[in-house]
Amino acid sequence: MGVDRPWEVHKDGIRLRLRVTPRARHNAINGILDASAETGGPALKVSVTAPPADGKANAAVLALLAKALHVPKSSLSVIAGAAGRNKLIHIPGDGPTLIPMLEALVDEEAGSTAPKRGNERAKK
């Protein structure tokens, strides 16, 4: 493919890098952020309405990802960055089985945002 992805396959599942925006207008997965020194590589952009206090944003992120990937919330965990915007999430399971789900999620989000941008320009 040649495209850097925000996940890495490990023996016990997948590690997914995120860049989270709390207190957003709506919960959404917003595509892939290019690699930077801050994120440590490409990251999936995620926005949640929850505030970044008392673990509420982390819980909202895990709920959003669980729903999008059709896995139980309890199976996902934040393994790094619990108190920051850059997070590393562990998704347990068979990596080769999980990758197509992540690819579809990213492709779906990329496809769903393109028409919105086009419509916004047309309205102006």
Protein backbone atom coordinates (compact mmCIF):
# COMPACT_ATOMS: atom_id res chain seq x y z
CA MET A 1 0.00 0.00 0.00
CA GLY A 2 2.74 2.46 0.86
CA VAL A 3 0.50 4.34 3.28
CA ASP A 4 1.51 4.51 6.92
CA ARG A 5 -1.23 3.32 9.21
CA PRO A 6 -1.75 4.19 12.88
CA TRP A 7 -1.73 0.57 14.02
CA GLU A 8 0.84 -2.13 14.63
CA VAL A 9 0.20 -5.84 14.88
CA HIS A 10 1.49 -7.53 18.03
CA LYS A 11 1.27 -11.15 19.11
CA ASP A 12 -1.72 -10.44 21.37
CA GLY A 13 -3.62 -8.01 19.14
CA ILE A 14 -3.22 -4.55 17.67
CA ARG A 15 -1.89 -1.33 19.11
CA LEU A 16 -3.68 1.72 17.75
CA ARG A 17 -2.27 5.27 18.02
CA LEU A 18 -4.85 8.01 18.55
CA ARG A 19 -4.94 11.79 18.67
CA VAL A 20 -8.01 12.68 20.72
CA THR A 21 -9.93 15.95 20.80
CA PRO A 22 -12.15 16.11 23.90
CA ARG A 23 -15.12 18.47 24.29
CA ALA A 24 -15.87 18.26 20.57
CA ARG A 25 -19.27 18.96 19.04
CA HIS A 26 -19.83 15.27 18.31
CA ASN A 27 -18.19 11.87 18.70
CA ALA A 28 -16.40 10.94 15.49
CA ILE A 29 -13.46 9.22 13.90
CA ASN A 30 -11.94 11.82 11.61
CA GLY A 31 -9.33 9.99 9.55
CA ILE A 32 -5.58 9.64 9.89
CA LEU A 33 -3.20 12.32 11.11
CA ASP A 34 0.21 12.22 9.47
CA ALA A 35 3.19 11.14 11.52
CA SER A 36 4.72 13.67 13.87
CA ALA A 37 7.21 13.63 16.71
CA GLU A 38 4.33 14.39 19.07
CA THR A 39 2.24 11.36 18.12
CA GLY A 40 5.15 9.00 17.45
CA GLY A 41 3.80 8.06 14.04
CA PRO A 42 0.54 8.33 12.15
CA ALA A 43 -2.48 8.53 14.46
CA LEU A 44 -6.20 8.03 14.08
CA LYS A 45 -7.97 11.34 14.77
CA VAL A 46 -10.83 10.90 17.20
CA SER A 47 -13.14 13.52 18.68
CA VAL A 48 -15.43 12.98 21.66
CA THR A 49 -17.91 15.24 23.42
CA ALA A 50 -16.78 14.15 26.88
CA PRO A 51 -14.47 16.39 28.91
CA PRO A 52 -10.92 15.24 29.68
CA ALA A 53 -11.65 14.80 33.39
CA ASP A 54 -12.09 11.74 35.59
CA GLY A 55 -11.46 9.39 32.67
CA LYS A 56 -14.64 10.48 30.87
CA ALA A 57 -12.89 11.20 27.56
CA ASN A 58 -11.04 7.87 27.70
CA ALA A 59 -14.30 6.03 28.35
CA ALA A 60 -15.95 7.85 25.44
CA VAL A 61 -13.03 7.00 23.13
CA LEU A 62 -13.18 3.32 24.04
CA ALA A 63 -16.97 3.27 23.59
CA LEU A 64 -16.69 4.93 20.16
CA LEU A 65 -13.99 2.51 18.99
CA ALA A 66 -15.82 -0.52 20.38
CA LYS A 67 -18.98 0.45 18.54
CA ALA A 68 -17.13 1.16 15.30
CA LEU A 69 -15.18 -2.11 15.43
CA HIS A 70 -18.05 -4.23 16.79
CA VAL A 71 -16.10 -5.42 19.82
CA PRO A 72 -16.96 -5.22 23.53
CA LYS A 73 -15.87 -2.01 25.29
CA SER A 74 -14.35 -4.09 28.04
CA SER A 75 -11.90 -5.68 25.59
CA LEU A 76 -10.23 -2.35 24.72
CA SER A 77 -7.69 -0.65 26.95
CA VAL A 78 -5.60 2.50 27.04
CA ILE A 79 -2.02 1.32 27.48
CA ALA A 80 -0.33 4.72 27.15
CA GLY A 81 -1.41 8.34 27.25
CA ALA A 82 -4.38 8.04 29.61
CA ALA A 83 -3.88 11.65 30.74
CA GLY A 84 -2.98 13.14 27.35
CA ARG A 85 -4.39 13.66 23.88
CA ASN A 86 -2.04 11.12 22.30
CA LYS A 87 -3.07 7.61 23.27
CA LEU A 88 -2.08 4.05 22.54
CA ILE A 89 -5.00 1.62 22.58
CA HIS A 90 -4.74 -2.15 22.77
CA ILE A 91 -7.27 -4.15 20.75
CA PRO A 92 -6.93 -7.84 21.67
CA GLY A 93 -7.39 -10.54 19.08
CA ASP A 94 -5.90 -11.86 15.90
CA GLY A 95 -4.09 -8.99 14.15
CA PRO A 96 -4.65 -10.20 10.57
CA THR A 97 -8.38 -10.50 11.34
CA LEU A 98 -8.57 -7.03 12.93
CA ILE A 99 -6.68 -5.16 10.19
CA PRO A 100 -9.49 -5.35 7.59
CA MET A 101 -11.89 -3.93 10.20
CA LEU A 102 -9.57 -0.99 10.84
CA GLU A 103 -8.97 -0.47 7.11
CA ALA A 104 -12.73 -0.41 6.49
CA LEU A 105 -13.21 2.04 9.33
CA VAL A 106 -10.58 4.42 7.96
CA ASP A 107 -11.83 4.04 4.38
CA GLU A 108 -15.43 4.60 5.53
CA GLU A 109 -14.50 7.76 7.40
CA ALA A 110 -12.46 9.06 4.47
CA GLY A 111 -15.36 8.41 2.11
CA SER A 112 -17.94 9.98 4.42
CA THR A 113 -16.03 13.24 4.91
CA ALA A 114 -15.30 13.92 1.24
CA PRO A 115 -18.92 14.58 0.18
CA LYS A 116 -19.49 16.81 3.22
CA ARG A 117 -16.62 19.04 2.19
CA GLY A 118 -17.95 19.17 -1.34
CA ASN A 119 -21.41 20.14 -0.13
CA GLU A 120 -19.98 22.84 2.12
CA ARG A 121 -18.14 24.40 -0.81
CA ALA A 122 -21.23 24.24 -2.99
CA LYS A 123 -23.27 26.14 -0.38
CA LYS A 124 -20.79 29.01 -0.14
